[in-house]
Amino acid sequence: GTQPAAAQASGTQPAAAQASGTQPAAAQAAASASVDLVSRALHTTGTVGENDRSIVAVFSLHPSGTSFATATATLTTLVKSLPVNGAVPITGTSFGTWGSGVRVRAAATTQSSIVATLPAGATVVVACQTRGELVTIDEYRNDWWAYLPAYGGYMTNIYISSPDNVLPGVPVC
């Protein structure tokens, strides 16, 4: 399973205290031997609280061979479950996506400015959906666009993993 890096450290002190040298050298060496410093770590950061005065960083390690899509979905679930004082959760419905380099736009049209580009297999939170420009990709045609509050923009519903043009359980904007 996925564990935050701090949870993998042995001993009674958090990883930050172990790294800062507040433990005796022998205890510090034993603790660092149990922390995986070789595997790739996925992380996310953000600011929370009044005036965004607190910085939060979450690191996770995944078994070798875990796809990026699976790792990001797991990390997203983990972060959404954390009780952070002052945090305002993004409301909406989570969906997986397909395709790589999918553009999030300022409005529901391919002519509007790009506000973000999603990696392959990203998980997104959709607040609402609206009709916009008709988009055709291969045999897929759809004029519904999802509003992604985390990015402040829209993506075509074509790239959202859902069997229908209109996303189930998502209100109209």
Protein backbone atom coordinates (compact mmCIF):
# COMPACT_ATOMS: atom_id res chain seq x y z
CA GLY A 1 0.00 0.00 0.00
CA THR A 2 0.88 3.66 -0.06
CA GLN A 3 2.43 5.18 3.03
CA PRO A 4 3.45 8.78 3.64
CA ALA A 5 7.24 8.85 3.96
CA ALA A 6 7.00 10.06 7.57
CA ALA A 7 4.94 6.97 8.46
CA GLN A 8 7.73 4.70 7.25
CA ALA A 9 10.29 6.11 9.67
CA SER A 10 10.76 3.96 12.76
CA GLY A 11 10.94 5.29 16.28
CA THR A 12 8.70 7.61 18.19
CA GLN A 13 9.80 10.94 16.73
CA PRO A 14 8.52 12.26 13.40
CA ALA A 15 10.86 12.02 10.40
CA ALA A 16 11.57 15.77 10.60
CA ALA A 17 12.93 15.38 14.15
CA GLN A 18 15.01 12.38 13.08
CA ALA A 19 16.55 14.29 10.20
CA SER A 20 17.29 17.38 12.26
CA GLY A 21 19.78 15.59 14.51
CA THR A 22 17.78 15.78 17.73
CA GLN A 23 18.31 12.04 18.35
CA PRO A 24 21.56 10.36 19.40
CA ALA A 25 23.70 9.39 16.38
CA ALA A 26 23.11 5.61 16.78
CA ALA A 27 19.33 6.06 16.97
CA GLN A 28 19.40 8.45 14.04
CA ALA A 29 21.39 5.97 11.90
CA ALA A 30 19.00 3.12 12.77
CA ALA A 31 15.97 5.27 11.92
CA SER A 32 17.40 6.44 8.59
CA ALA A 33 18.20 2.84 7.61
CA SER A 34 14.47 2.05 7.68
CA VAL A 35 13.47 5.00 5.47
CA ASP A 36 13.33 4.23 1.76
CA LEU A 37 15.56 6.84 0.09
CA VAL A 38 15.79 5.05 -3.25
CA SER A 39 12.22 4.58 -4.56
CA ARG A 40 10.56 7.31 -6.54
CA ALA A 41 8.29 9.47 -4.42
CA LEU A 42 5.16 11.22 -5.62
CA HIS A 43 4.32 14.43 -3.86
CA THR A 44 1.82 17.22 -3.74
CA THR A 45 2.03 20.57 -2.01
CA GLY A 46 -0.33 23.40 -1.25
CA THR A 47 -1.19 26.22 1.09
CA VAL A 48 -4.10 26.21 3.53
CA GLY A 49 -5.57 28.15 6.40
CA GLU A 50 -6.29 31.80 6.93
CA ASN A 51 -4.54 33.83 4.22
CA ASP A 52 -2.89 30.60 3.01
CA ARG A 53 -0.31 30.88 5.80
CA SER A 54 0.36 27.13 6.21
CA ILE A 55 2.24 24.98 3.71
CA VAL A 56 1.33 21.30 3.41
CA ALA A 57 3.49 18.72 1.64
CA VAL A 58 2.49 15.07 1.26
CA PHE A 59 4.93 12.46 -0.06
CA SER A 60 4.03 8.90 -0.95
CA LEU A 61 5.96 5.84 -2.09
CA HIS A 62 4.39 3.26 -4.39
CA PRO A 63 5.48 -0.26 -5.34
CA SER A 64 7.77 -0.49 -8.36
CA GLY A 65 5.75 -0.64 -11.58
CA THR A 66 2.80 1.38 -10.26
CA SER A 67 1.38 3.48 -13.09
CA PHE A 68 1.37 7.26 -12.75
CA ALA A 69 -2.45 7.25 -13.02
CA THR A 70 -2.78 4.78 -10.13
CA ALA A 71 -0.23 6.64 -8.01
CA THR A 72 -1.89 10.03 -8.52
CA ALA A 73 -5.36 8.61 -7.84
CA THR A 74 -4.06 7.05 -4.61
CA LEU A 75 -2.31 10.26 -3.57
CA THR A 76 -5.44 12.31 -4.36
CA THR A 77 -7.53 9.98 -2.17
CA LEU A 78 -4.96 10.21 0.62
CA VAL A 79 -4.80 14.02 0.51
CA LYS A 80 -8.58 14.37 0.42
CA SER A 81 -8.78 12.28 3.61
CA LEU A 82 -6.37 14.45 5.62
CA PRO A 83 -7.94 16.73 8.24
CA VAL A 84 -6.00 19.98 7.80
CA ASN A 85 -6.96 22.92 10.00
CA GLY A 86 -8.25 25.79 7.90
CA ALA A 87 -8.41 23.77 4.68
CA VAL A 88 -11.39 24.29 2.42
CA PRO A 89 -12.07 21.07 0.51
CA ILE A 90 -12.82 21.29 -3.18
CA THR A 91 -16.33 20.02 -3.69
CA GLY A 92 -17.42 17.99 -6.65
CA THR A 93 -17.25 14.50 -8.11
CA SER A 94 -13.95 12.76 -8.86
CA PHE A 95 -13.38 11.20 -12.28
CA GLY A 96 -10.46 9.56 -14.00
CA THR A 97 -9.28 10.92 -17.35
CA TRP A 98 -7.66 9.42 -20.42
CA GLY A 99 -5.35 10.93 -22.99
CA SER A 100 -2.22 12.90 -22.28
CA GLY A 101 -1.65 16.62 -22.56
CA VAL A 102 -5.37 17.34 -22.12
CA ARG A 103 -5.86 21.09 -21.91
CA VAL A 104 -7.95 22.83 -19.28
CA ARG A 105 -9.35 26.07 -20.74
CA ALA A 106 -10.68 29.33 -19.35
CA ALA A 107 -14.05 28.75 -21.09
CA ALA A 108 -15.88 25.83 -22.72
CA THR A 109 -14.23 26.34 -26.11
CA THR A 110 -10.96 25.26 -27.73
CA GLN A 111 -10.30 28.89 -28.64
CA SER A 112 -10.12 30.11 -25.03
CA SER A 113 -6.83 30.40 -23.18
CA ILE A 114 -5.16 27.32 -21.69
CA VAL A 115 -5.04 27.43 -17.88
CA ALA A 116 -3.48 23.97 -17.30
CA THR A 117 -2.41 20.80 -19.07
CA LEU A 118 -3.21 17.45 -17.45
CA PRO A 119 -0.85 14.48 -17.37
CA ALA A 120 -2.02 11.11 -18.67
CA GLY A 121 -4.48 9.40 -16.36
CA ALA A 122 -5.03 12.36 -14.02
CA THR A 123 -7.91 12.31 -11.55
CA VAL A 124 -10.00 15.47 -11.63
CA VAL A 125 -12.75 16.88 -9.43
CA VAL A 126 -15.70 18.18 -11.44
CA ALA A 127 -17.96 20.78 -9.81
CA CYS A 128 -20.43 21.16 -12.68
CA GLN A 129 -20.79 20.81 -16.45
CA THR A 130 -22.05 23.01 -19.24
CA ARG A 131 -22.57 22.91 -22.97
CA GLY A 132 -19.92 24.57 -25.08
CA GLU A 133 -18.06 24.05 -28.33
CA LEU A 134 -18.61 20.70 -30.03
CA VAL A 135 -15.35 18.73 -29.88
CA THR A 136 -14.62 15.78 -32.16
CA ILE A 137 -11.77 13.36 -31.41
CA ASP A 138 -11.70 10.32 -33.70
CA GLU A 139 -15.19 8.80 -33.42
CA TYR A 140 -16.09 10.76 -30.26
CA ARG A 141 -18.24 13.92 -30.43
CA ASN A 142 -19.29 15.90 -27.38
CA ASP A 143 -20.33 19.47 -26.62
CA TRP A 144 -20.35 19.04 -22.82
CA TRP A 145 -17.50 20.51 -20.79
CA ALA A 146 -16.61 19.89 -17.13
CA TYR A 147 -15.68 22.74 -14.78
CA LEU A 148 -12.61 21.84 -12.68
CA PRO A 149 -12.47 24.12 -9.61
CA ALA A 150 -8.88 23.12 -8.78
CA TYR A 151 -7.78 24.65 -12.10
CA GLY A 152 -10.44 27.34 -12.49
CA GLY A 153 -11.24 26.10 -15.98
CA TYR A 154 -13.01 23.63 -18.24
CA MET A 155 -12.06 20.44 -20.04
CA THR A 156 -14.09 18.65 -22.68
CA ASN A 157 -16.02 15.69 -21.29
CA ILE A 158 -14.54 13.54 -24.08
CA TYR A 159 -11.41 12.95 -22.00
CA ILE A 160 -13.29 12.08 -18.79
CA SER A 161 -13.68 8.36 -18.13
CA SER A 162 -17.45 8.08 -18.27
CA PRO A 163 -19.65 6.11 -20.69
CA ASP A 164 -21.95 9.02 -21.56
CA ASN A 165 -21.51 12.55 -22.89
CA VAL A 166 -23.12 13.98 -19.75
CA LEU A 167 -21.37 13.08 -16.49
CA PRO A 168 -23.62 11.21 -14.03
CA GLY A 169 -24.41 12.98 -10.79
CA VAL A 170 -22.77 16.26 -11.87
CA PRO A 171 -25.03 19.34 -11.97
CA VAL A 172 -25.27 21.77 -14.87
CA CYS A 173 -23.31 24.99 -14.23
